[in-house]
mmCIF file of all heavy atoms, coordinates in Angstrom:
data_MODEL
# 
_entry.id   MODEL 
# 
loop_
_atom_site.group_PDB 
_atom_site.id 
_atom_site.type_symbol 
_atom_site.label_atom_id 
_atom_site.label_alt_id 
_atom_site.label_comp_id 
_atom_site.label_asym_id 
_atom_site.label_entity_id 
_atom_site.label_seq_id 
_atom_site.pdbx_PDB_ins_code 
_atom_site.Cartn_x 
_atom_site.Cartn_y 
_atom_site.Cartn_z 
_atom_site.occupancy 
_atom_site.B_iso_or_equiv 
_atom_site.pdbx_formal_charge 
_atom_site.auth_seq_id 
_atom_site.auth_comp_id 
_atom_site.auth_asym_id 
_atom_site.auth_atom_id 
_atom_site.pdbx_PDB_model_num 
ATOM 1   N N   . MET A 1 1  ? 48.696 80.128 66.133 1.00 0.00 ? 1  MET A N   1 
ATOM 2   C CA  . MET A 1 1  ? 49.316 79.236 67.130 1.00 0.00 ? 1  MET A CA  1 
ATOM 3   C C   . MET A 1 1  ? 49.176 77.793 66.720 1.00 0.00 ? 1  MET A C   1 
ATOM 4   O O   . MET A 1 1  ? 50.094 76.988 66.902 1.00 0.00 ? 1  MET A O   1 
ATOM 5   C CB  . MET A 1 1  ? 48.681 79.491 68.498 1.00 0.00 ? 1  MET A CB  1 
ATOM 6   C CG  . MET A 1 1  ? 49.099 80.807 69.152 1.00 0.00 ? 1  MET A CG  1 
ATOM 7   S SD  . MET A 1 1  ? 48.136 81.230 70.615 1.00 0.00 ? 1  MET A SD  1 
ATOM 8   C CE  . MET A 1 1  ? 48.550 79.835 71.714 1.00 0.00 ? 1  MET A CE  1 
ATOM 9   N N   . ILE A 1 2  ? 48.014 77.408 66.195 1.00 0.00 ? 2  ILE A N   1 
ATOM 10  C CA  . ILE A 1 2  ? 47.810 76.038 65.749 1.00 0.00 ? 2  ILE A CA  1 
ATOM 11  C C   . ILE A 1 2  ? 48.785 75.695 64.613 1.00 0.00 ? 2  ILE A C   1 
ATOM 12  O O   . ILE A 1 2  ? 49.446 74.662 64.617 1.00 0.00 ? 2  ILE A O   1 
ATOM 13  C CB  . ILE A 1 2  ? 46.363 75.807 65.303 1.00 0.00 ? 2  ILE A CB  1 
ATOM 14  C CG1 . ILE A 1 2  ? 45.423 75.919 66.525 1.00 0.00 ? 2  ILE A CG1 1 
ATOM 15  C CG2 . ILE A 1 2  ? 46.175 74.468 64.577 1.00 0.00 ? 2  ILE A CG2 1 
ATOM 16  C CD1 . ILE A 1 2  ? 43.928 76.021 66.183 1.00 0.00 ? 2  ILE A CD1 1 
ATOM 17  N N   . LYS A 1 3  ? 48.883 76.603 63.617 1.00 0.00 ? 3  LYS A N   1 
ATOM 18  C CA  . LYS A 1 3  ? 49.828 76.380 62.506 1.00 0.00 ? 3  LYS A CA  1 
ATOM 19  C C   . LYS A 1 3  ? 51.252 76.255 63.018 1.00 0.00 ? 3  LYS A C   1 
ATOM 20  O O   . LYS A 1 3  ? 51.985 75.395 62.551 1.00 0.00 ? 3  LYS A O   1 
ATOM 21  C CB  . LYS A 1 3  ? 49.726 77.509 61.507 1.00 0.00 ? 3  LYS A CB  1 
ATOM 22  C CG  . LYS A 1 3  ? 48.422 77.526 60.734 1.00 0.00 ? 3  LYS A CG  1 
ATOM 23  C CD  . LYS A 1 3  ? 48.318 78.738 59.839 1.00 0.00 ? 3  LYS A CD  1 
ATOM 24  C CE  . LYS A 1 3  ? 46.975 78.771 59.138 1.00 0.00 ? 3  LYS A CE  1 
ATOM 25  N NZ  . LYS A 1 3  ? 46.698 80.081 58.514 1.00 0.00 ? 3  LYS A NZ  1 
ATOM 26  N N   . LEU A 1 4  ? 51.626 77.069 63.963 1.00 0.00 ? 4  LEU A N   1 
ATOM 27  C CA  . LEU A 1 4  ? 53.003 77.019 64.494 1.00 0.00 ? 4  LEU A CA  1 
ATOM 28  C C   . LEU A 1 4  ? 53.223 75.731 65.263 1.00 0.00 ? 4  LEU A C   1 
ATOM 29  O O   . LEU A 1 4  ? 54.294 75.135 65.152 1.00 0.00 ? 4  LEU A O   1 
ATOM 30  C CB  . LEU A 1 4  ? 53.258 78.276 65.395 1.00 0.00 ? 4  LEU A CB  1 
ATOM 31  C CG  . LEU A 1 4  ? 54.679 78.352 65.961 1.00 0.00 ? 4  LEU A CG  1 
ATOM 32  C CD1 . LEU A 1 4  ? 55.735 78.442 64.852 1.00 0.00 ? 4  LEU A CD1 1 
ATOM 33  C CD2 . LEU A 1 4  ? 54.768 79.576 66.899 1.00 0.00 ? 4  LEU A CD2 1 
ATOM 34  N N   . ALA A 1 5  ? 52.256 75.311 66.068 1.00 0.00 ? 5  ALA A N   1 
ATOM 35  C CA  . ALA A 1 5  ? 52.397 74.062 66.817 1.00 0.00 ? 5  ALA A CA  1 
ATOM 36  C C   . ALA A 1 5  ? 52.607 72.882 65.893 1.00 0.00 ? 5  ALA A C   1 
ATOM 37  O O   . ALA A 1 5  ? 53.424 71.991 66.125 1.00 0.00 ? 5  ALA A O   1 
ATOM 38  C CB  . ALA A 1 5  ? 51.178 73.837 67.710 1.00 0.00 ? 5  ALA A CB  1 
ATOM 39  N N   . LEU A 1 6  ? 51.811 72.865 64.797 1.00 0.00 ? 6  LEU A N   1 
ATOM 40  C CA  . LEU A 1 6  ? 51.928 71.741 63.840 1.00 0.00 ? 6  LEU A CA  1 
ATOM 41  C C   . LEU A 1 6  ? 53.263 71.818 63.066 1.00 0.00 ? 6  LEU A C   1 
ATOM 42  O O   . LEU A 1 6  ? 53.865 70.780 62.795 1.00 0.00 ? 6  LEU A O   1 
ATOM 43  C CB  . LEU A 1 6  ? 50.754 71.767 62.875 1.00 0.00 ? 6  LEU A CB  1 
ATOM 44  C CG  . LEU A 1 6  ? 49.394 71.394 63.492 1.00 0.00 ? 6  LEU A CG  1 
ATOM 45  C CD1 . LEU A 1 6  ? 48.260 71.632 62.560 1.00 0.00 ? 6  LEU A CD1 1 
ATOM 46  C CD2 . LEU A 1 6  ? 49.402 69.960 64.007 1.00 0.00 ? 6  LEU A CD2 1 
ATOM 47  N N   . LYS A 1 7  ? 53.706 73.024 62.727 1.00 0.00 ? 7  LYS A N   1 
ATOM 48  C CA  . LYS A 1 7  ? 55.007 73.188 62.064 1.00 0.00 ? 7  LYS A CA  1 
ATOM 49  C C   . LYS A 1 7  ? 56.125 72.697 63.000 1.00 0.00 ? 7  LYS A C   1 
ATOM 50  O O   . LYS A 1 7  ? 57.005 71.941 62.552 1.00 0.00 ? 7  LYS A O   1 
ATOM 51  C CB  . LYS A 1 7  ? 55.234 74.670 61.724 1.00 0.00 ? 7  LYS A CB  1 
ATOM 52  C CG  . LYS A 1 7  ? 56.556 74.953 61.051 1.00 0.00 ? 7  LYS A CG  1 
ATOM 53  C CD  . LYS A 1 7  ? 56.716 76.443 60.786 1.00 0.00 ? 7  LYS A CD  1 
ATOM 54  C CE  . LYS A 1 7  ? 57.993 76.781 60.064 1.00 0.00 ? 7  LYS A CE  1 
ATOM 55  N NZ  . LYS A 1 7  ? 59.142 76.720 60.969 1.00 0.00 ? 7  LYS A NZ  1 
ATOM 56  N N   . TRP A 1 8  ? 56.069 73.075 64.286 1.00 0.00 ? 8  TRP A N   1 
ATOM 57  C CA  . TRP A 1 8  ? 57.089 72.655 65.245 1.00 0.00 ? 8  TRP A CA  1 
ATOM 58  C C   . TRP A 1 8  ? 57.105 71.144 65.324 1.00 0.00 ? 8  TRP A C   1 
ATOM 59  O O   . TRP A 1 8  ? 58.145 70.498 65.272 1.00 0.00 ? 8  TRP A O   1 
ATOM 60  C CB  . TRP A 1 8  ? 56.790 73.247 66.621 1.00 0.00 ? 8  TRP A CB  1 
ATOM 61  C CG  . TRP A 1 8  ? 57.762 72.839 67.681 1.00 0.00 ? 8  TRP A CG  1 
ATOM 62  C CD1 . TRP A 1 8  ? 58.913 73.496 68.032 1.00 0.00 ? 8  TRP A CD1 1 
ATOM 63  C CD2 . TRP A 1 8  ? 57.706 71.665 68.501 1.00 0.00 ? 8  TRP A CD2 1 
ATOM 64  N NE1 . TRP A 1 8  ? 59.568 72.800 69.013 1.00 0.00 ? 8  TRP A NE1 1 
ATOM 65  C CE2 . TRP A 1 8  ? 58.838 71.677 69.324 1.00 0.00 ? 8  TRP A CE2 1 
ATOM 66  C CE3 . TRP A 1 8  ? 56.793 70.614 68.587 1.00 0.00 ? 8  TRP A CE3 1 
ATOM 67  C CZ2 . TRP A 1 8  ? 59.078 70.669 70.253 1.00 0.00 ? 8  TRP A CZ2 1 
ATOM 68  C CZ3 . TRP A 1 8  ? 57.020 69.612 69.534 1.00 0.00 ? 8  TRP A CZ3 1 
ATOM 69  C CH2 . TRP A 1 8  ? 58.168 69.668 70.350 1.00 0.00 ? 8  TRP A CH2 1 
ATOM 70  N N   . GLU A 1 9  ? 55.924 70.583 65.438 1.00 0.00 ? 9  GLU A N   1 
ATOM 71  C CA  . GLU A 1 9  ? 55.821 69.087 65.548 1.00 0.00 ? 9  GLU A CA  1 
ATOM 72  C C   . GLU A 1 9  ? 56.394 68.413 64.293 1.00 0.00 ? 9  GLU A C   1 
ATOM 73  O O   . GLU A 1 9  ? 57.034 67.376 64.416 1.00 0.00 ? 9  GLU A O   1 
ATOM 74  C CB  . GLU A 1 9  ? 54.350 68.763 65.717 1.00 0.00 ? 9  GLU A CB  1 
ATOM 75  C CG  . GLU A 1 9  ? 54.035 67.299 65.729 1.00 0.00 ? 9  GLU A CG  1 
ATOM 76  C CD  . GLU A 1 9  ? 52.566 67.083 65.949 1.00 0.00 ? 9  GLU A CD  1 
ATOM 77  O OE1 . GLU A 1 9  ? 52.165 67.135 67.150 1.00 0.00 ? 9  GLU A OE1 1 
ATOM 78  O OE2 . GLU A 1 9  ? 51.835 66.866 64.967 1.00 0.00 ? 9  GLU A OE2 1 
ATOM 79  N N   . GLY A 1 10 ? 56.188 68.976 63.127 1.00 0.00 ? 10 GLY A N   1 
ATOM 80  C CA  . GLY A 1 10 ? 56.719 68.413 61.919 1.00 0.00 ? 10 GLY A CA  1 
ATOM 81  C C   . GLY A 1 10 ? 58.240 68.377 61.896 1.00 0.00 ? 10 GLY A C   1 
ATOM 82  O O   . GLY A 1 10 ? 58.848 67.572 61.208 1.00 0.00 ? 10 GLY A O   1 
ATOM 83  N N   . GLU A 1 11 ? 58.831 69.256 62.679 1.00 0.00 ? 11 GLU A N   1 
ATOM 84  C CA  . GLU A 1 11 ? 60.302 69.365 62.795 1.00 0.00 ? 11 GLU A CA  1 
ATOM 85  C C   . GLU A 1 11 ? 60.887 68.538 63.922 1.00 0.00 ? 11 GLU A C   1 
ATOM 86  O O   . GLU A 1 11 ? 62.071 68.463 64.107 1.00 0.00 ? 11 GLU A O   1 
ATOM 87  C CB  . GLU A 1 11 ? 60.692 70.799 62.955 1.00 0.00 ? 11 GLU A CB  1 
ATOM 88  C CG  . GLU A 1 11 ? 60.327 71.711 61.774 1.00 0.00 ? 11 GLU A CG  1 
ATOM 89  C CD  . GLU A 1 11 ? 60.424 73.183 62.065 1.00 0.00 ? 11 GLU A CD  1 
ATOM 90  O OE1 . GLU A 1 11 ? 60.689 73.585 63.249 1.00 0.00 ? 11 GLU A OE1 1 
ATOM 91  O OE2 . GLU A 1 11 ? 60.207 73.973 61.150 1.00 0.00 ? 11 GLU A OE2 1 
ATOM 92  N N   . HIS A 1 12 ? 59.994 67.857 64.720 1.00 0.00 ? 12 HIS A N   1 
ATOM 93  C CA  . HIS A 1 12 ? 60.415 67.086 65.862 1.00 0.00 ? 12 HIS A CA  1 
ATOM 94  C C   . HIS A 1 12 ? 59.743 65.720 65.848 1.00 0.00 ? 12 HIS A C   1 
ATOM 95  O O   . HIS A 1 12 ? 58.662 65.541 66.370 1.00 0.00 ? 12 HIS A O   1 
ATOM 96  C CB  . HIS A 1 12 ? 60.027 67.852 67.184 1.00 0.00 ? 12 HIS A CB  1 
ATOM 97  C CG  . HIS A 1 12 ? 60.785 69.152 67.297 1.00 0.00 ? 12 HIS A CG  1 
ATOM 98  N ND1 . HIS A 1 12 ? 60.365 70.301 66.669 1.00 0.00 ? 12 HIS A ND1 1 
ATOM 99  C CD2 . HIS A 1 12 ? 61.900 69.459 67.990 1.00 0.00 ? 12 HIS A CD2 1 
ATOM 100 C CE1 . HIS A 1 12 ? 61.214 71.253 66.977 1.00 0.00 ? 12 HIS A CE1 1 
ATOM 101 N NE2 . HIS A 1 12 ? 62.145 70.787 67.764 1.00 0.00 ? 12 HIS A NE2 1 
ATOM 102 N N   . GLU A 1 13 ? 60.460 64.827 65.201 1.00 0.00 ? 13 GLU A N   1 
ATOM 103 C CA  . GLU A 1 13 ? 59.916 63.486 64.886 1.00 0.00 ? 13 GLU A CA  1 
ATOM 104 C C   . GLU A 1 13 ? 59.342 62.724 66.096 1.00 0.00 ? 13 GLU A C   1 
ATOM 105 O O   . GLU A 1 13 ? 58.337 62.041 66.001 1.00 0.00 ? 13 GLU A O   1 
ATOM 106 C CB  . GLU A 1 13 ? 61.034 62.628 64.215 1.00 0.00 ? 13 GLU A CB  1 
ATOM 107 C CG  . GLU A 1 13 ? 60.627 61.217 63.918 1.00 0.00 ? 13 GLU A CG  1 
ATOM 108 C CD  . GLU A 1 13 ? 61.789 60.413 63.361 1.00 0.00 ? 13 GLU A CD  1 
ATOM 109 O OE1 . GLU A 1 13 ? 62.883 60.978 63.186 1.00 0.00 ? 13 GLU A OE1 1 
ATOM 110 O OE2 . GLU A 1 13 ? 61.574 59.238 63.061 1.00 0.00 ? 13 GLU A OE2 1 
ATOM 111 N N   . HIS A 1 14 ? 60.024 62.847 67.233 1.00 0.00 ? 14 HIS A N   1 
ATOM 112 C CA  . HIS A 1 14 ? 59.614 62.038 68.363 1.00 0.00 ? 14 HIS A CA  1 
ATOM 113 C C   . HIS A 1 14 ? 58.773 62.744 69.432 1.00 0.00 ? 14 HIS A C   1 
ATOM 114 O O   . HIS A 1 14 ? 58.630 62.289 70.536 1.00 0.00 ? 14 HIS A O   1 
ATOM 115 C CB  . HIS A 1 14 ? 60.891 61.497 69.084 1.00 0.00 ? 14 HIS A CB  1 
ATOM 116 C CG  . HIS A 1 14 ? 61.720 60.596 68.150 1.00 0.00 ? 14 HIS A CG  1 
ATOM 117 N ND1 . HIS A 1 14 ? 61.305 59.361 67.764 1.00 0.00 ? 14 HIS A ND1 1 
ATOM 118 C CD2 . HIS A 1 14 ? 62.914 60.841 67.539 1.00 0.00 ? 14 HIS A CD2 1 
ATOM 119 C CE1 . HIS A 1 14 ? 62.192 58.839 66.966 1.00 0.00 ? 14 HIS A CE1 1 
ATOM 120 N NE2 . HIS A 1 14 ? 63.208 59.715 66.813 1.00 0.00 ? 14 HIS A NE2 1 
ATOM 121 N N   . GLU A 1 15 ? 58.226 63.919 69.030 1.00 0.00 ? 15 GLU A N   1 
ATOM 122 C CA  . GLU A 1 15 ? 57.456 64.672 70.000 1.00 0.00 ? 15 GLU A CA  1 
ATOM 123 C C   . GLU A 1 15 ? 56.087 65.065 69.402 1.00 0.00 ? 15 GLU A C   1 
ATOM 124 O O   . GLU A 1 15 ? 55.934 65.166 68.173 1.00 0.00 ? 15 GLU A O   1 
ATOM 125 C CB  . GLU A 1 15 ? 58.181 65.935 70.427 1.00 0.00 ? 15 GLU A CB  1 
ATOM 126 C CG  . GLU A 1 15 ? 59.495 65.573 71.179 1.00 0.00 ? 15 GLU A CG  1 
ATOM 127 C CD  . GLU A 1 15 ? 60.226 66.805 71.642 1.00 0.00 ? 15 GLU A CD  1 
ATOM 128 O OE1 . GLU A 1 15 ? 60.934 67.379 70.840 1.00 0.00 ? 15 GLU A OE1 1 
ATOM 129 O OE2 . GLU A 1 15 ? 60.052 67.178 72.805 1.00 0.00 ? 15 GLU A OE2 1 
ATOM 130 N N   . VAL A 1 16 ? 55.120 65.261 70.274 1.00 0.00 ? 16 VAL A N   1 
ATOM 131 C CA  . VAL A 1 16 ? 53.785 65.690 69.921 1.00 0.00 ? 16 VAL A CA  1 
ATOM 132 C C   . VAL A 1 16 ? 53.548 67.036 70.502 1.00 0.00 ? 16 VAL A C   1 
ATOM 133 O O   . VAL A 1 16 ? 53.837 67.290 71.677 1.00 0.00 ? 16 VAL A O   1 
ATOM 134 C CB  . VAL A 1 16 ? 52.716 64.700 70.433 1.00 0.00 ? 16 VAL A CB  1 
ATOM 135 C CG1 . VAL A 1 16 ? 51.304 65.197 70.115 1.00 0.00 ? 16 VAL A CG1 1 
ATOM 136 C CG2 . VAL A 1 16 ? 52.920 63.306 69.856 1.00 0.00 ? 16 VAL A CG2 1 
ATOM 137 N N   . SER A 1 17 ? 53.010 67.950 69.710 1.00 0.00 ? 17 SER A N   1 
ATOM 138 C CA  . SER A 1 17 ? 52.680 69.290 70.212 1.00 0.00 ? 17 SER A CA  1 
ATOM 139 C C   . SER A 1 17 ? 51.223 69.215 70.707 1.00 0.00 ? 17 SER A C   1 
ATOM 140 O O   . SER A 1 17 ? 50.304 69.407 69.956 1.00 0.00 ? 17 SER A O   1 
ATOM 141 C CB  . SER A 1 17 ? 52.781 70.288 69.063 1.00 0.00 ? 17 SER A CB  1 
ATOM 142 O OG  . SER A 1 17 ? 52.452 71.572 69.541 1.00 0.00 ? 17 SER A OG  1 
ATOM 143 N N   . SER A 1 18 ? 51.073 68.908 72.008 1.00 0.00 ? 18 SER A N   1 
ATOM 144 C CA  . SER A 1 18 ? 49.751 68.713 72.577 1.00 0.00 ? 18 SER A CA  1 
ATOM 145 C C   . SER A 1 18 ? 49.038 70.042 72.812 1.00 0.00 ? 18 SER A C   1 
ATOM 146 O O   . SER A 1 18 ? 47.786 70.082 72.801 1.00 0.00 ? 18 SER A O   1 
ATOM 147 C CB  . SER A 1 18 ? 49.868 67.992 73.919 1.00 0.00 ? 18 SER A CB  1 
ATOM 148 O OG  . SER A 1 18 ? 50.349 66.694 73.746 1.00 0.00 ? 18 SER A OG  1 
ATOM 149 N N   . ALA A 1 19 ? 49.768 71.076 73.051 1.00 0.00 ? 19 ALA A N   1 
ATOM 150 C CA  . ALA A 1 19 ? 49.155 72.361 73.391 1.00 0.00 ? 19 ALA A CA  1 
ATOM 151 C C   . ALA A 1 19 ? 50.169 73.487 73.291 1.00 0.00 ? 19 ALA A C   1 
ATOM 152 O O   . ALA A 1 19 ? 51.378 73.231 73.242 1.00 0.00 ? 19 ALA A O   1 
ATOM 153 C CB  . ALA A 1 19 ? 48.535 72.294 74.802 1.00 0.00 ? 19 ALA A CB  1 
ATOM 154 N N   . LEU A 1 20 ? 49.655 74.695 73.380 1.00 0.00 ? 20 LEU A N   1 
ATOM 155 C CA  . LEU A 1 20 ? 50.543 75.878 73.315 1.00 0.00 ? 20 LEU A CA  1 
ATOM 156 C C   . LEU A 1 20 ? 49.800 77.045 73.951 1.00 0.00 ? 20 LEU A C   1 
ATOM 157 O O   . LEU A 1 20 ? 48.573 77.181 73.774 1.00 0.00 ? 20 LEU A O   1 
ATOM 158 C CB  . LEU A 1 20 ? 50.877 76.205 71.877 1.00 0.00 ? 20 LEU A CB  1 
ATOM 159 C CG  . LEU A 1 20 ? 51.911 77.255 71.546 1.00 0.00 ? 20 LEU A CG  1 
ATOM 160 C CD1 . LEU A 1 20 ? 53.302 76.864 72.049 1.00 0.00 ? 20 LEU A CD1 1 
ATOM 161 C CD2 . LEU A 1 20 ? 51.971 77.575 70.037 1.00 0.00 ? 20 LEU A CD2 1 
ATOM 162 N N   . ALA A 1 21 ? 50.535 77.835 74.753 1.00 0.00 ? 21 ALA A N   1 
ATOM 163 C CA  . ALA A 1 21 ? 49.920 78.982 75.409 1.00 0.00 ? 21 ALA A CA  1 
ATOM 164 C C   . ALA A 1 21 ? 50.426 80.260 74.687 1.00 0.00 ? 21 ALA A C   1 
ATOM 165 O O   . ALA A 1 21 ? 51.559 80.320 74.208 1.00 0.00 ? 21 ALA A O   1 
ATOM 166 C CB  . ALA A 1 21 ? 50.355 79.043 76.882 1.00 0.00 ? 21 ALA A CB  1 
ATOM 167 N N   . ALA A 1 22 ? 49.548 81.254 74.636 1.00 0.00 ? 22 ALA A N   1 
ATOM 168 C CA  . ALA A 1 22 ? 49.897 82.517 73.965 1.00 0.00 ? 22 ALA A CA  1 
ATOM 169 C C   . ALA A 1 22 ? 51.213 83.135 74.434 1.00 0.00 ? 22 ALA A C   1 
ATOM 170 O O   . ALA A 1 22 ? 51.981 83.643 73.581 1.00 0.00 ? 22 ALA A O   1 
ATOM 171 C CB  . ALA A 1 22 ? 48.740 83.514 74.077 1.00 0.00 ? 22 ALA A CB  1 
ATOM 172 N N   . PRO A 1 23 ? 51.539 83.084 75.715 1.00 0.00 ? 23 PRO A N   1 
ATOM 173 C CA  . PRO A 1 23 ? 52.849 83.672 76.139 1.00 0.00 ? 23 PRO A CA  1 
ATOM 174 C C   . PRO A 1 23 ? 54.034 83.003 75.480 1.00 0.00 ? 23 PRO A C   1 
ATOM 175 O O   . PRO A 1 23 ? 55.096 83.597 75.320 1.00 0.00 ? 23 PRO A O   1 
ATOM 176 C CB  . PRO A 1 23 ? 52.854 83.467 77.643 1.00 0.00 ? 23 PRO A CB  1 
ATOM 177 C CG  . PRO A 1 23 ? 51.410 83.325 78.040 1.00 0.00 ? 23 PRO A CG  1 
ATOM 178 C CD  . PRO A 1 23 ? 50.745 82.695 76.856 1.00 0.00 ? 23 PRO A CD  1 
ATOM 179 N N   . GLN A 1 24 ? 53.870 81.745 75.080 1.00 0.00 ? 24 GLN A N   1 
ATOM 180 C CA  . GLN A 1 24 ? 54.982 81.045 74.425 1.00 0.00 ? 24 GLN A CA  1 
ATOM 181 C C   . GLN A 1 24 ? 55.298 81.583 73.036 1.00 0.00 ? 24 GLN A C   1 
ATOM 182 O O   . GLN A 1 24 ? 56.357 81.277 72.478 1.00 0.00 ? 24 GLN A O   1 
ATOM 183 C CB  . GLN A 1 24 ? 54.676 79.539 74.352 1.00 0.00 ? 24 GLN A CB  1 
ATOM 184 C CG  . GLN A 1 24 ? 54.670 78.852 75.693 1.00 0.00 ? 24 GLN A CG  1 
ATOM 185 C CD  . GLN A 1 24 ? 54.329 77.387 75.513 1.00 0.00 ? 24 GLN A CD  1 
ATOM 186 O OE1 . GLN A 1 24 ? 53.179 76.991 75.522 1.00 0.00 ? 24 GLN A OE1 1 
ATOM 187 N NE2 . GLN A 1 24 ? 55.380 76.561 75.373 1.00 0.00 ? 24 GLN A NE2 1 
ATOM 188 N N   . VAL A 1 25 ? 54.347 82.367 72.482 1.00 0.00 ? 25 VAL A N   1 
ATOM 189 C CA  . VAL A 1 25 ? 54.622 82.974 71.169 1.00 0.00 ? 25 VAL A CA  1 
ATOM 190 C C   . VAL A 1 25 ? 54.730 84.506 71.324 1.00 0.00 ? 25 VAL A C   1 
ATOM 191 O O   . VAL A 1 25 ? 54.619 85.246 70.344 1.00 0.00 ? 25 VAL A O   1 
ATOM 192 C CB  . VAL A 1 25 ? 53.531 82.595 70.118 1.00 0.00 ? 25 VAL A CB  1 
ATOM 193 C CG1 . VAL A 1 25 ? 53.556 81.085 69.887 1.00 0.00 ? 25 VAL A CG1 1 
ATOM 194 C CG2 . VAL A 1 25 ? 52.142 83.053 70.525 1.00 0.00 ? 25 VAL A CG2 1 
ATOM 195 N N   . GLY A 1 26 ? 54.921 84.958 72.549 1.00 0.00 ? 26 GLY A N   1 
ATOM 196 C CA  . GLY A 1 26 ? 55.179 86.394 72.780 1.00 0.00 ? 26 GLY A CA  1 
ATOM 197 C C   . GLY A 1 26 ? 53.935 87.237 72.931 1.00 0.00 ? 26 GLY A C   1 
ATOM 198 O O   . GLY A 1 26 ? 54.014 88.444 72.901 1.00 0.00 ? 26 GLY A O   1 
ATOM 199 N N   . GLU A 1 27 ? 52.765 86.583 73.110 1.00 0.00 ? 27 GLU A N   1 
ATOM 200 C CA  . GLU A 1 27 ? 51.524 87.337 73.297 1.00 0.00 ? 27 GLU A CA  1 
ATOM 201 C C   . GLU A 1 27 ? 51.084 87.172 74.741 1.00 0.00 ? 27 GLU A C   1 
ATOM 202 O O   . GLU A 1 27 ? 50.758 86.064 75.203 1.00 0.00 ? 27 GLU A O   1 
ATOM 203 C CB  . GLU A 1 27 ? 50.443 86.815 72.338 1.00 0.00 ? 27 GLU A CB  1 
ATOM 204 C CG  . GLU A 1 27 ? 50.736 87.037 70.865 1.00 0.00 ? 27 GLU A CG  1 
ATOM 205 C CD  . GLU A 1 27 ? 50.755 88.486 70.477 1.00 0.00 ? 27 GLU A CD  1 
ATOM 206 O OE1 . GLU A 1 27 ? 50.056 89.311 71.114 1.00 0.00 ? 27 GLU A OE1 1 
ATOM 207 O OE2 . GLU A 1 27 ? 51.492 88.807 69.518 1.00 0.00 ? 27 GLU A OE2 1 
# 
């Protein structure tokens, strides 16, 4: 989840990935 949050953030210049919940990745 941490790796995915950082990857997502790298693809979104103007946003910060502050957090992520397991249901957001299908768990």
